[in-house]
PDB file of N, CA and C in Angstrom:
ATOM      1  N   MET A   1     -29.940-117.104 -67.263  1.00  0.00           N
ATOM      2  CA  MET A   1     -30.178-116.993 -68.696  1.00  0.00           C
ATOM      3  C   MET A   1     -28.874-117.254 -69.437  1.00  0.00           C
ATOM      4  N   THR A   2     -28.973-117.899 -70.553  1.00  0.00           N
ATOM      5  CA  THR A   2     -27.797-118.267 -71.332  1.00  0.00           C
ATOM      6  C   THR A   2     -27.543-117.280 -72.462  1.00  0.00           C
ATOM      7  N   SER A   3     -26.314-117.230 -72.892  1.00  0.00           N
ATOM      8  CA  SER A   3     -25.973-116.372 -74.022  1.00  0.00           C
ATOM      9  C   SER A   3     -25.564-117.229 -75.210  1.00  0.00           C
ATOM     10  N   SER A   4     -26.244-118.346 -75.397  1.00  0.00           N
ATOM     11  CA  SER A   4     -25.927-119.276 -76.470  1.00  0.00           C
ATOM     12  C   SER A   4     -26.024-118.614 -77.838  1.00  0.00           C
ATOM     13  N   LYS A   5     -25.101-119.008 -78.715  1.00  0.00           N
ATOM     14  CA  LYS A   5     -25.130-118.530 -80.104  1.00  0.00           C
ATOM     15  C   LYS A   5     -26.351-119.079 -80.841  1.00  0.00           C
ATOM     16  N   LEU A   6     -26.920-120.163 -80.317  1.00  0.00           N
ATOM     17  CA  LEU A   6     -28.064-120.814 -80.965  1.00  0.00           C
ATOM     18  C   LEU A   6     -29.409-120.235 -80.558  1.00  0.00           C
ATOM     19  N   LYS A   7     -29.421-119.408 -79.537  1.00  0.00           N
ATOM     20  CA  LYS A   7     -30.683-118.945 -78.951  1.00  0.00           C
ATOM     21  C   LYS A   7     -31.598-118.314 -79.992  1.00  0.00           C
ATOM     22  N   ASP A   8     -32.801-118.842 -80.058  1.00  0.00           N
ATOM     23  CA  ASP A   8     -33.854-118.259 -80.888  1.00  0.00           C
ATOM     24  C   ASP A   8     -35.210-118.746 -80.381  1.00  0.00           C
ATOM     25  N   PRO A   9     -36.294-118.100 -80.777  1.00  0.00           N
ATOM     26  CA  PRO A   9     -37.617-118.439 -80.233  1.00  0.00           C
ATOM     27  C   PRO A   9     -38.035-119.896 -80.487  1.00  0.00           C
ATOM     28  N   ALA A  10     -37.696-120.441 -81.639  1.00  0.00           N
ATOM     29  CA  ALA A  10     -38.089-121.826 -81.936  1.00  0.00           C
ATOM     30  C   ALA A  10     -37.388-122.799 -80.990  1.00  0.00           C
ATOM     31  N   LEU A  11     -36.095-122.585 -80.746  1.00  0.00           N
ATOM     32  CA  LEU A  11     -35.377-123.455 -79.807  1.00  0.00           C
ATOM     33  C   LEU A  11     -35.853-123.237 -78.382  1.00  0.00           C
ATOM     34  N   ASP A  12     -36.197-122.000 -78.039  1.00  0.00           N
ATOM     35  CA  ASP A  12     -36.756-121.742 -76.707  1.00  0.00           C
ATOM     36  C   ASP A  12     -38.007-122.588 -76.492  1.00  0.00           C
ATOM     37  N   LYS A  13     -38.870-122.648 -77.484  1.00  0.00           N
ATOM     38  CA  LYS A  13     -40.108-123.431 -77.367  1.00  0.00           C
ATOM     39  C   LYS A  13     -39.812-124.932 -77.306  1.00  0.00           C
ATOM     40  N   LEU A  14     -38.835-125.378 -78.089  1.00  0.00           N
ATOM     41  CA  LEU A  14     -38.445-126.785 -78.045  1.00  0.00           C
ATOM     42  C   LEU A  14     -37.941-127.150 -76.648  1.00  0.00           C
ATOM     43  N   PHE A  15     -37.036-126.350 -76.098  1.00  0.00           N
ATOM     44  CA  PHE A  15     -36.484-126.653 -74.783  1.00  0.00           C
ATOM     45  C   PHE A  15     -37.549-126.545 -73.697  1.00  0.00           C
ATOM     46  N   GLU A  16     -38.475-125.616 -73.855  1.00  0.00           N
ATOM     47  CA  GLU A  16     -39.598-125.520 -72.915  1.00  0.00           C
ATOM     48  C   GLU A  16     -40.406-126.818 -72.938  1.00  0.00           C
ATOM     49  N   ALA A  17     -40.643-127.341 -74.141  1.00  0.00           N
ATOM     50  CA  ALA A  17     -41.384-128.599 -74.280  1.00  0.00           C
ATOM     51  C   ALA A  17     -40.616-129.751 -73.634  1.00  0.00           C
ATOM     52  N   ILE A  18     -39.311-129.819 -73.867  1.00  0.00           N
ATOM     53  CA  ILE A  18     -38.502-130.896 -73.285  1.00  0.00           C
ATOM     54  C   ILE A  18     -38.557-130.845 -71.764  1.00  0.00           C
ATOM     55  N   LEU A  19     -38.513-129.653 -71.209  1.00  0.00           N
ATOM     56  CA  LEU A  19     -38.562-129.510 -69.753  1.00  0.00           C
ATOM     57  C   LEU A  19     -39.905-129.941 -69.159  1.00  0.00           C
ATOM     58  N   LEU A  20     -40.933-130.059 -69.985  1.00  0.00           N
ATOM     59  CA  LEU A  20     -42.237-130.520 -69.513  1.00  0.00           C
ATOM     60  C   LEU A  20     -42.347-132.042 -69.449  1.00  0.00           C
ATOM     61  N   LEU A  21     -41.399-132.749 -70.053  1.00  0.00           N
ATOM     62  CA  LEU A  21     -41.420-134.212 -70.016  1.00  0.00           C
ATOM     63  C   LEU A  21     -41.172-134.673 -68.583  1.00  0.00           C
ATOM     64  N   GLU A  22     -41.964-135.649 -68.138  1.00  0.00           N
ATOM     65  CA  GLU A  22     -41.939-136.026 -66.733  1.00  0.00           C
ATOM     66  C   GLU A  22     -41.207-137.319 -66.430  1.00  0.00           C
ATOM     67  N   ASN A  23     -40.976-138.153 -67.438  1.00  0.00           N
ATOM     68  CA  ASN A  23     -40.305-139.423 -67.166  1.00  0.00           C
ATOM     69  C   ASN A  23     -39.669-139.972 -68.447  1.00  0.00           C
ATOM     70  N   GLU A  24     -38.960-141.073 -68.282  1.00  0.00           N
ATOM     71  CA  GLU A  24     -38.247-141.669 -69.414  1.00  0.00           C
ATOM     72  C   GLU A  24     -39.192-142.084 -70.536  1.00  0.00           C
ATOM     73  N   ASP A  25     -40.342-142.649 -70.187  1.00  0.00           N
ATOM     74  CA  ASP A  25     -41.301-143.077 -71.199  1.00  0.00           C
ATOM     75  C   ASP A  25     -41.767-141.887 -72.041  1.00  0.00           C
ATOM     76  N   GLU A  26     -42.057-140.764 -71.404  1.00  0.00           N
ATOM     77  CA  GLU A  26     -42.458-139.564 -72.141  1.00  0.00           C
ATOM     78  C   GLU A  26     -41.320-139.070 -73.031  1.00  0.00           C
ATOM     79  N   CYS A  27     -40.092-139.179 -72.544  1.00  0.00           N
ATOM     80  CA  CYS A  27     -38.937-138.782 -73.367  1.00  0.00           C
ATOM     81  C   CYS A  27     -38.857-139.647 -74.620  1.00  0.00           C
ATOM     82  N   TYR A  28     -38.967-140.952 -74.437  1.00  0.00           N
ATOM     83  CA  TYR A  28     -38.934-141.844 -75.603  1.00  0.00           C
ATOM     84  C   TYR A  28     -40.034-141.481 -76.596  1.00  0.00           C
ATOM     85  N   ARG A  29     -41.237-141.268 -76.106  1.00  0.00           N
ATOM     86  CA  ARG A  29     -42.368-140.964 -76.996  1.00  0.00           C
ATOM     87  C   ARG A  29     -42.143-139.662 -77.757  1.00  0.00           C
ATOM     88  N   PHE A  30     -41.715-138.617 -77.049  1.00  0.00           N
ATOM     89  CA  PHE A  30     -41.512-137.311 -77.677  1.00  0.00           C
ATOM     90  C   PHE A  30     -40.359-137.353 -78.675  1.00  0.00           C
ATOM     91  N   PHE A  31     -39.219-137.873 -78.226  1.00  0.00           N
ATOM     92  CA  PHE A  31     -38.044-137.860 -79.098  1.00  0.00           C
ATOM     93  C   PHE A  31     -38.198-138.803 -80.290  1.00  0.00           C
ATOM     94  N   GLU A  32     -38.950-139.880 -80.131  1.00  0.00           N
ATOM     95  CA  GLU A  32     -39.213-140.769 -81.264  1.00  0.00           C
ATOM     96  C   GLU A  32     -40.018-140.044 -82.336  1.00  0.00           C
ATOM     97  N   ASP A  33     -40.896-139.148 -81.911  1.00  0.00           N
ATOM     98  CA  ASP A  33     -41.684-138.371 -82.871  1.00  0.00           C
ATOM     99  C   ASP A  33     -40.881-137.233 -83.501  1.00  0.00           C
ATOM    100  N   ILE A  34     -40.015-136.593 -82.728  1.00  0.00           N
ATOM    101  CA  ILE A  34     -39.365-135.376 -83.196  1.00  0.00           C
ATOM    102  C   ILE A  34     -38.030-135.638 -83.913  1.00  0.00           C
ATOM    103  N   CYS A  35     -37.406-136.796 -83.633  1.00  0.00           N
ATOM    104  CA  CYS A  35     -36.104-137.118 -84.225  1.00  0.00           C
ATOM    105  C   CYS A  35     -36.192-138.413 -85.031  1.00  0.00           C
ATOM    106  N   THR A  36     -35.254-138.563 -85.954  1.00  0.00           N
ATOM    107  CA  THR A  36     -35.129-139.849 -86.632  1.00  0.00           C
ATOM    108  C   THR A  36     -34.405-140.807 -85.689  1.00  0.00           C
ATOM    109  N   ILE A  37     -34.503-142.083 -85.979  1.00  0.00           N
ATOM    110  CA  ILE A  37     -33.797-143.078 -85.178  1.00  0.00           C
ATOM    111  C   ILE A  37     -32.295-142.793 -85.216  1.00  0.00           C
ATOM    112  N   ALA A  38     -31.777-142.458 -86.386  1.00  0.00           N
ATOM    113  CA  ALA A  38     -30.345-142.173 -86.527  1.00  0.00           C
ATOM    114  C   ALA A  38     -29.927-140.970 -85.676  1.00  0.00           C
ATOM    115  N   GLU A  39     -30.757-139.932 -85.643  1.00  0.00           N
ATOM    116  CA  GLU A  39     -30.442-138.753 -84.826  1.00  0.00           C
ATOM    117  C   GLU A  39     -30.396-139.106 -83.344  1.00  0.00           C
ATOM    118  N   LEU A  40     -31.377-139.880 -82.897  1.00  0.00           N
ATOM    119  CA  LEU A  40     -31.411-140.287 -81.490  1.00  0.00           C
ATOM    120  C   LEU A  40     -30.226-141.162 -81.129  1.00  0.00           C
ATOM    121  N   LYS A  41     -29.912-142.106 -81.998  1.00  0.00           N
ATOM    122  CA  LYS A  41     -28.766-142.988 -81.736  1.00  0.00           C
ATOM    123  C   LYS A  41     -27.478-142.183 -81.691  1.00  0.00           C
ATOM    124  N   ALA A  42     -27.352-141.177 -82.564  1.00  0.00           N
ATOM    125  CA  ALA A  42     -26.152-140.322 -82.570  1.00  0.00           C
ATOM    126  C   ALA A  42     -26.044-139.539 -81.263  1.00  0.00           C
ATOM    127  N   LEU A  43     -27.160-139.024 -80.763  1.00  0.00           N
ATOM    128  CA  LEU A  43     -27.151-138.297 -79.493  1.00  0.00           C
ATOM    129  C   LEU A  43     -26.743-139.215 -78.345  1.00  0.00           C
ATOM    130  N   GLY A  44     -27.322-140.408 -78.328  1.00  0.00           N
ATOM    131  CA  GLY A  44     -26.967-141.385 -77.294  1.00  0.00           C
ATOM    132  C   GLY A  44     -25.497-141.772 -77.372  1.00  0.00           C
ATOM    133  N   GLN A  45     -25.006-141.949 -78.586  1.00  0.00           N
ATOM    134  CA  GLN A  45     -23.603-142.296 -78.791  1.00  0.00           C
ATOM    135  C   GLN A  45     -22.695-141.189 -78.257  1.00  0.00           C
ATOM    136  N   ARG A  46     -23.040-139.945 -78.522  1.00  0.00           N
ATOM    137  CA  ARG A  46     -22.225-138.820 -78.045  1.00  0.00           C
ATOM    138  C   ARG A  46     -22.178-138.776 -76.517  1.00  0.00           C
ATOM    139  N   MET A  47     -23.294-139.061 -75.866  1.00  0.00           N
ATOM    140  CA  MET A  47     -23.291-139.098 -74.394  1.00  0.00           C
ATOM    141  C   MET A  47     -22.368-140.204 -73.893  1.00  0.00           C
ATOM    142  N   GLU A  48     -22.422-141.359 -74.536  1.00  0.00           N
ATOM    143  CA  GLU A  48     -21.563-142.464 -74.133  1.00  0.00           C
ATOM    144  C   GLU A  48     -20.095-142.111 -74.360  1.00  0.00           C
ATOM    145  N   VAL A  49     -19.806-141.475 -75.475  1.00  0.00           N
ATOM    146  CA  VAL A  49     -18.439-141.021 -75.771  1.00  0.00           C
ATOM    147  C   VAL A  49     -17.977-140.040 -74.692  1.00  0.00           C
ATOM    148  N   ALA A  50     -18.821-139.105 -74.324  1.00  0.00           N
ATOM    149  CA  ALA A  50     -18.459-138.120 -73.302  1.00  0.00           C
ATOM    150  C   ALA A  50     -18.141-138.802 -71.975  1.00  0.00           C
ATOM    151  N   LYS A  51     -18.962-139.772 -71.580  1.00  0.00           N
ATOM    152  CA  LYS A  51     -18.703-140.494 -70.333  1.00  0.00           C
ATOM    153  C   LYS A  51     -17.369-141.217 -70.392  1.00  0.00           C
ATOM    154  N   MET A  52     -17.086-141.828 -71.527  1.00  0.00           N
ATOM    155  CA  MET A  52     -15.841-142.582 -71.662  1.00  0.00           C
ATOM    156  C   MET A  52     -14.626-141.649 -71.711  1.00  0.00           C
ATOM    157  N   LEU A  53     -14.768-140.504 -72.348  1.00  0.00           N
ATOM    158  CA  LEU A  53     -13.673-139.531 -72.360  1.00  0.00           C
ATOM    159  C   LEU A  53     -13.392-139.042 -70.945  1.00  0.00           C
ATOM    160  N   GLU A  54     -14.435-138.835 -70.183  1.00  0.00           N
ATOM    161  CA  GLU A  54     -14.282-138.412 -68.792  1.00  0.00           C
ATOM    162  C   GLU A  54     -13.531-139.456 -67.971  1.00  0.00           C
ATOM    163  N   GLN A  55     -13.659-140.707 -68.363  1.00  0.00           N
ATOM    164  CA  GLN A  55     -12.974-141.808 -67.677  1.00  0.00           C
ATOM    165  C   GLN A  55     -11.577-142.042 -68.259  1.00  0.00           C
ATOM    166  N   ASP A  56     -11.137-141.126 -69.125  1.00  0.00           N
ATOM    167  CA  ASP A  56      -9.812-141.196 -69.751  1.00  0.00           C
ATOM    168  C   ASP A  56      -9.607-142.416 -70.641  1.00  0.00           C
ATOM    169  N   CYS A  57     -10.671-142.901 -71.262  1.00  0.00           N
ATOM    170  CA  CYS A  57     -10.545-143.995 -72.219  1.00  0.00           C
ATOM    171  C   CYS A  57      -9.864-143.474 -73.486  1.00  0.00           C
ATOM    172  N   THR A  58      -9.164-144.340 -74.165  1.00  0.00           N
ATOM    173  CA  THR A  58      -8.506-143.952 -75.406  1.00  0.00           C
ATOM    174  C   THR A  58      -9.524-143.853 -76.535  1.00  0.00           C
ATOM    175  N   TYR A  59      -9.166-143.084 -77.557  1.00  0.00           N
ATOM    176  CA  TYR A  59     -10.040-142.969 -78.720  1.00  0.00           C
ATOM    177  C   TYR A  59     -10.299-144.345 -79.329  1.00  0.00           C
ATOM    178  N   THR A  60      -9.277-145.182 -79.392  1.00  0.00           N
ATOM    179  CA  THR A  60      -9.433-146.520 -79.975  1.00  0.00           C
ATOM    180  C   THR A  60     -10.439-147.333 -79.182  1.00  0.00           C
ATOM    181  N   HIS A  61     -10.329-147.314 -77.870  1.00  0.00           N
ATOM    182  CA  HIS A  61     -11.264-148.056 -77.018  1.00  0.00           C
ATOM    183  C   HIS A  61     -12.687-147.524 -77.182  1.00  0.00           C
ATOM    184  N   ILE A  62     -12.817-146.211 -77.201  1.00  0.00           N
ATOM    185  CA  ILE A  62     -14.137-145.595 -77.364  1.00  0.00           C
ATOM    186  C   ILE A  62     -14.751-145.987 -78.700  1.00  0.00           C
ATOM    187  N   ALA A  63     -13.945-145.924 -79.753  1.00  0.00           N
ATOM    188  CA  ALA A  63     -14.438-146.292 -81.093  1.00  0.00           C
ATOM    189  C   ALA A  63     -14.885-147.745 -81.122  1.00  0.00           C
ATOM    190  N   GLU A  64     -14.103-148.627 -80.496  1.00  0.00           N
ATOM    191  CA  GLU A  64     -14.456-150.052 -80.467  1.00  0.00           C
ATOM    192  C   GLU A  64     -15.753-150.291 -79.714  1.00  0.00           C
ATOM    193  N   LYS A  65     -15.928-149.624 -78.590  1.00  0.00           N
ATOM    194  CA  LYS A  65     -17.099-149.850 -77.737  1.00  0.00           C
ATOM    195  C   LYS A  65     -18.365-149.172 -78.244  1.00  0.00           C
ATOM    196  N   THR A  66     -18.216-148.004 -78.872  1.00  0.00           N
ATOM    197  CA  THR A  66     -19.402-147.226 -79.257  1.00  0.00           C
ATOM    198  C   THR A  66     -19.672-147.205 -80.755  1.00  0.00           C
ATOM    199  N   GLY A  67     -18.656-147.503 -81.547  1.00  0.00           N
ATOM    200  CA  GLY A  67     -18.794-147.385 -83.003  1.00  0.00           C
ATOM    201  C   GLY A  67     -18.647-145.955 -83.490  1.00  0.00           C
ATOM    202  N   ALA A  68     -18.292-145.041 -82.587  1.00  0.00           N
ATOM    203  CA  ALA A  68     -18.136-143.629 -82.957  1.00  0.00           C
ATOM    204  C   ALA A  68     -16.888-143.449 -83.811  1.00  0.00           C
ATOM    205  N   SER A  69     -16.978-142.545 -84.752  1.00  0.00           N
ATOM    206  CA  SER A  69     -15.834-142.232 -85.603  1.00  0.00           C
ATOM    207  C   SER A  69     -14.847-141.361 -84.829  1.00  0.00           C
ATOM    208  N   PRO A  70     -13.590-141.337 -85.271  1.00  0.00           N
ATOM    209  CA  PRO A  70     -12.628-140.431 -84.631  1.00  0.00           C
ATOM    210  C   PRO A  70     -13.093-138.971 -84.672  1.00  0.00           C
ATOM    211  N   ALA A  71     -13.776-138.586 -85.741  1.00  0.00           N
ATOM    212  CA  ALA A  71     -14.277-137.207 -85.850  1.00  0.00           C
ATOM    213  C   ALA A  71     -15.318-136.923 -84.766  1.00  0.00           C
ATOM    214  N   THR A  72     -16.208-137.865 -84.517  1.00  0.00           N
ATOM    215  CA  THR A  72     -17.225-137.691 -83.475  1.00  0.00           C
ATOM    216  C   THR A  72     -16.572-137.626 -82.101  1.00  0.00           C
ATOM    217  N   ILE A  73     -15.634-138.527 -81.849  1.00  0.00           N
ATOM    218  CA  ILE A  73     -14.944-138.542 -80.558  1.00  0.00           C
ATOM    219  C   ILE A  73     -14.210-137.217 -80.350  1.00  0.00           C
ATOM    220  N   SER A  74     -13.537-136.752 -81.387  1.00  0.00           N
ATOM    221  CA  SER A  74     -12.799-135.497 -81.311  1.00  0.00           C
ATOM    222  C   SER A  74     -13.735-134.318 -81.065  1.00  0.00           C
ATOM    223  N   ARG A  75     -14.882-134.318 -81.715  1.00  0.00           N
ATOM    224  CA  ARG A  75     -15.848-133.231 -81.530  1.00  0.00           C
ATOM    225  C   ARG A  75     -16.367-133.199 -80.102  1.00  0.00           C
ATOM    226  N   VAL A  76     -16.689-134.372 -79.569  1.00  0.00           N
ATOM    227  CA  VAL A  76     -17.166-134.438 -78.186  1.00  0.00           C
ATOM    228  C   VAL A  76     -16.068-133.972 -77.225  1.00  0.00           C
ATOM    229  N   LYS A  77     -14.836-134.403 -77.468  1.00  0.00           N
ATOM    230  CA  LYS A  77     -13.707-133.979 -76.632  1.00  0.00           C
ATOM    231  C   LYS A  77     -13.549-132.459 -76.667  1.00  0.00           C
ATOM    232  N   ARG A  78     -13.659-131.888 -77.867  1.00  0.00           N
ATOM    233  CA  ARG A  78     -13.553-130.434 -78.018  1.00  0.00           C
ATOM    234  C   ARG A  78     -14.649-129.735 -77.217  1.00  0.00           C
ATOM    235  N   CYS A  79     -15.850-130.289 -77.245  1.00  0.00           N
ATOM    236  CA  CYS A  79     -16.953-129.701 -76.464  1.00  0.00           C
ATOM    237  C   CYS A  79     -16.704-129.826 -74.972  1.00  0.00           C
ATOM    238  N   LEU A  80     -16.144-130.949 -74.541  1.00  0.00           N
ATOM    239  CA  LEU A  80     -15.838-131.124 -73.122  1.00  0.00           C
ATOM    240  C   LEU A  80     -14.799-130.109 -72.655  1.00  0.00           C
ATOM    241  N   VAL A  81     -13.845-129.795 -73.525  1.00  0.00           N
ATOM    242  CA  VAL A  81     -12.757-128.894 -73.144  1.00  0.00           C
ATOM    243  C   VAL A  81     -13.112-127.430 -73.378  1.00  0.00           C
ATOM    244  N   TYR A  82     -13.704-127.136 -74.533  1.00  0.00           N
ATOM    245  CA  TYR A  82     -13.919-125.736 -74.933  1.00  0.00           C
ATOM    246  C   TYR A  82     -15.377-125.350 -75.101  1.00  0.00           C
ATOM    247  N   GLY A  83     -16.291-126.262 -74.848  1.00  0.00           N
ATOM    248  CA  GLY A  83     -17.697-126.012 -75.133  1.00  0.00           C
ATOM    249  C   GLY A  83     -18.413-125.179 -74.083  1.00  0.00           C
ATOM    250  N   ALA A  84     -19.724-125.246 -74.104  1.00  0.00           N
ATOM    251  CA  ALA A  84     -20.588-124.450 -73.227  1.00  0.00           C
ATOM    252  C   ALA A  84     -20.809-125.125 -71.873  1.00  0.00           C
ATOM    253  N   ASP A  85     -20.069-126.185 -71.588  1.00  0.00           N
ATOM    254  CA  ASP A  85     -20.148-126.948 -70.339  1.00  0.00           C
ATOM    255  C   ASP A  85     -21.451-127.722 -70.176  1.00  0.00           C
ATOM    256  N   GLY A  86     -22.150-127.944 -71.267  1.00  0.00           N
ATOM    257  CA  GLY A  86     -23.378-128.732 -71.218  1.00  0.00           C
ATOM    258  C   GLY A  86     -23.116-130.194 -70.884  1.00  0.00           C
ATOM    259  N   TYR A  87     -22.094-130.780 -71.529  1.00  0.00           N
ATOM    260  CA  TYR A  87     -21.738-132.162 -71.187  1.00  0.00           C
ATOM    261  C   TYR A  87     -21.335-132.255 -69.716  1.00  0.00           C
ATOM    262  N   ARG A  88     -20.489-131.333 -69.268  1.00  0.00           N
ATOM    263  CA  ARG A  88     -20.002-131.357 -67.884  1.00  0.00           C
ATOM    264  C   ARG A  88     -21.173-131.279 -66.910  1.00  0.00           C
ATOM    265  N   LEU A  89     -22.111-130.379 -67.185  1.00  0.00           N
ATOM    266  CA  LEU A  89     -23.280-130.209 -66.334  1.00  0.00           C
ATOM    267  C   LEU A  89     -24.032-131.528 -66.175  1.00  0.00           C
ATOM    268  N   ILE A  90     -24.315-132.172 -67.298  1.00  0.00           N
ATOM    269  CA  ILE A  90     -25.141-133.378 -67.238  1.00  0.00           C
ATOM    270  C   ILE A  90     -24.356-134.568 -66.722  1.00  0.00           C
ATOM    271  N   LEU A  91     -23.068-134.670 -67.059  1.00  0.00           N
ATOM    272  CA  LEU A  91     -22.258-135.770 -66.533  1.00  0.00           C
ATOM    273  C   LEU A  91     -22.138-135.678 -65.019  1.00  0.00           C
ATOM    274  N   ASP A  92     -21.954-134.471 -64.498  1.00  0.00           N
ATOM    275  CA  ASP A  92     -21.888-134.279 -63.043  1.00  0.00           C
ATOM    276  C   ASP A  92     -23.214-134.651 -62.388  1.00  0.00           C
ATOM    277  N   ARG A  93     -24.306-134.249 -63.005  1.00  0.00           N
ATOM    278  CA  ARG A  93     -25.625-134.575 -62.426  1.00  0.00           C
ATOM    279  C   ARG A  93     -25.896-136.072 -62.466  1.00  0.00           C
ATOM    280  N   LEU A  94     -25.484-136.719 -63.536  1.00  0.00           N
ATOM    281  CA  LEU A  94     -25.662-138.173 -63.621  1.00  0.00           C
ATOM    282  C   LEU A  94     -24.844-138.884 -62.548  1.00  0.00           C
ATOM    283  N   LYS A  95     -23.630-138.398 -62.293  1.00  0.00           N
ATOM    284  CA  LYS A  95     -22.794-138.982 -61.232  1.00  0.00           C
ATOM    285  C   LYS A  95     -23.452-138.809 -59.867  1.00  0.00           C
ATOM    286  N   GLU A  96     -23.971-137.605 -59.618  1.00  0.00           N
ATOM    287  CA  GLU A  96     -24.648-137.342 -58.341  1.00  0.00           C
ATOM    288  C   GLU A  96     -25.873-138.233 -58.187  1.00  0.00           C
ATOM    289  N   ARG A  97     -26.614-138.377 -59.246  1.00  0.00           N
ATOM    290  CA  ARG A  97     -27.819-139.223 -59.203  1.00  0.00           C
ATOM    291  C   ARG A  97     -27.444-140.666 -58.903  1.00  0.00           C
ATOM    292  N   LYS A  98     -26.376-141.140 -59.551  1.00  0.00           N
ATOM    293  CA  LYS A  98     -25.927-142.512 -59.311  1.00  0.00           C
ATOM    294  C   LYS A  98     -25.514-142.691 -57.857  1.00  0.00           C
ATOM    295  N   LYS A  99     -24.795-141.718 -57.293  1.00  0.00           N
ATOM    296  CA  LYS A  99     -24.399-141.784 -55.879  1.00  0.00           C
ATOM    297  C   LYS A  99     -25.624-141.871 -54.983  1.00  0.00           C
ATOM    298  N   THR A 100     -26.633-141.053 -55.274  1.00  0.00           N
ATOM    299  CA  THR A 100     -27.854-141.044 -54.477  1.00  0.00           C
ATOM    300  C   THR A 100     -28.565-142.388 -54.559  1.00  0.00           C
ATOM    301  N   VAL A 101     -28.712-142.900 -55.767  1.00  0.00           N
ATOM    302  CA  VAL A 101     -29.386-144.192 -55.958  1.00  0.00           C
ATOM    303  C   VAL A 101     -28.594-145.294 -55.282  1.00  0.00           C
ATOM    304  N   ASP A 102     -27.265-145.285 -55.446  1.00  0.00           N
ATOM    305  CA  ASP A 102     -26.436-146.305 -54.811  1.00  0.00           C
ATOM    306  C   ASP A 102     -26.552-146.258 -53.294  1.00  0.00           C
ATOM    307  N   SER A 103     -26.556-145.052 -52.715  1.00  0.00           N
ATOM    308  CA  SER A 103     -26.652-144.932 -51.263  1.00  0.00           C
ATOM    309  C   SER A 103     -28.027-145.372 -50.749  1.00  0.00           C
ATOM    310  N   GLU A 104     -29.054-145.154 -51.549  1.00  0.00           N
ATOM    311  CA  GLU A 104     -30.400-145.586 -51.157  1.00  0.00           C
ATOM    312  C   GLU A 104     -30.531-147.105 -51.193  1.00  0.00           C
ATOM    313  N   ASN A 105     -29.741-147.738 -52.060  1.00  0.00           N
ATOM    314  CA  ASN A 105     -29.803-149.200 -52.210  1.00  0.00           C
ATOM    315  C   ASN A 105     -28.811-149.936 -51.337  1.00  0.00           C
ATOM    316  N   THR A 106     -28.031-149.191 -50.558  1.00  0.00           N
ATOM    317  CA  THR A 106     -27.059-149.808 -49.660  1.00  0.00           C
ATOM    318  C   THR A 106     -27.721-150.034 -48.308  1.00  0.00           C
ATOM    319  N   PRO A 107     -27.669-151.296 -47.827  1.00  0.00           N
ATOM    320  CA  PRO A 107     -28.318-151.578 -46.533  1.00  0.00           C
ATOM    321  C   PRO A 107     -27.637-150.920 -45.373  1.00  0.00           C
TER     322      PRO A 107
END
């Protein structure tokens, strides 16, 4: 159980719903309904920024590649260093998944 400052019944129900999504297509359908295009693009951009920060890319390079503002890059960096470890959790899982997929595709 988490001790998030954001915890409330409405968010609990939202996260419960997200956990019921079974594949990428369902994610697209649900998030397209629940978020604006700009909100979704911002979330995707933040994930890309986090991956690039993890790879020690410079803020300038990240801004050029993603279009993220210095404020967004700085916020993501702050979350990576001082946050609730949500980015770290998912970045580690994505790396593990990539390793698994790569090993399955290696003859």
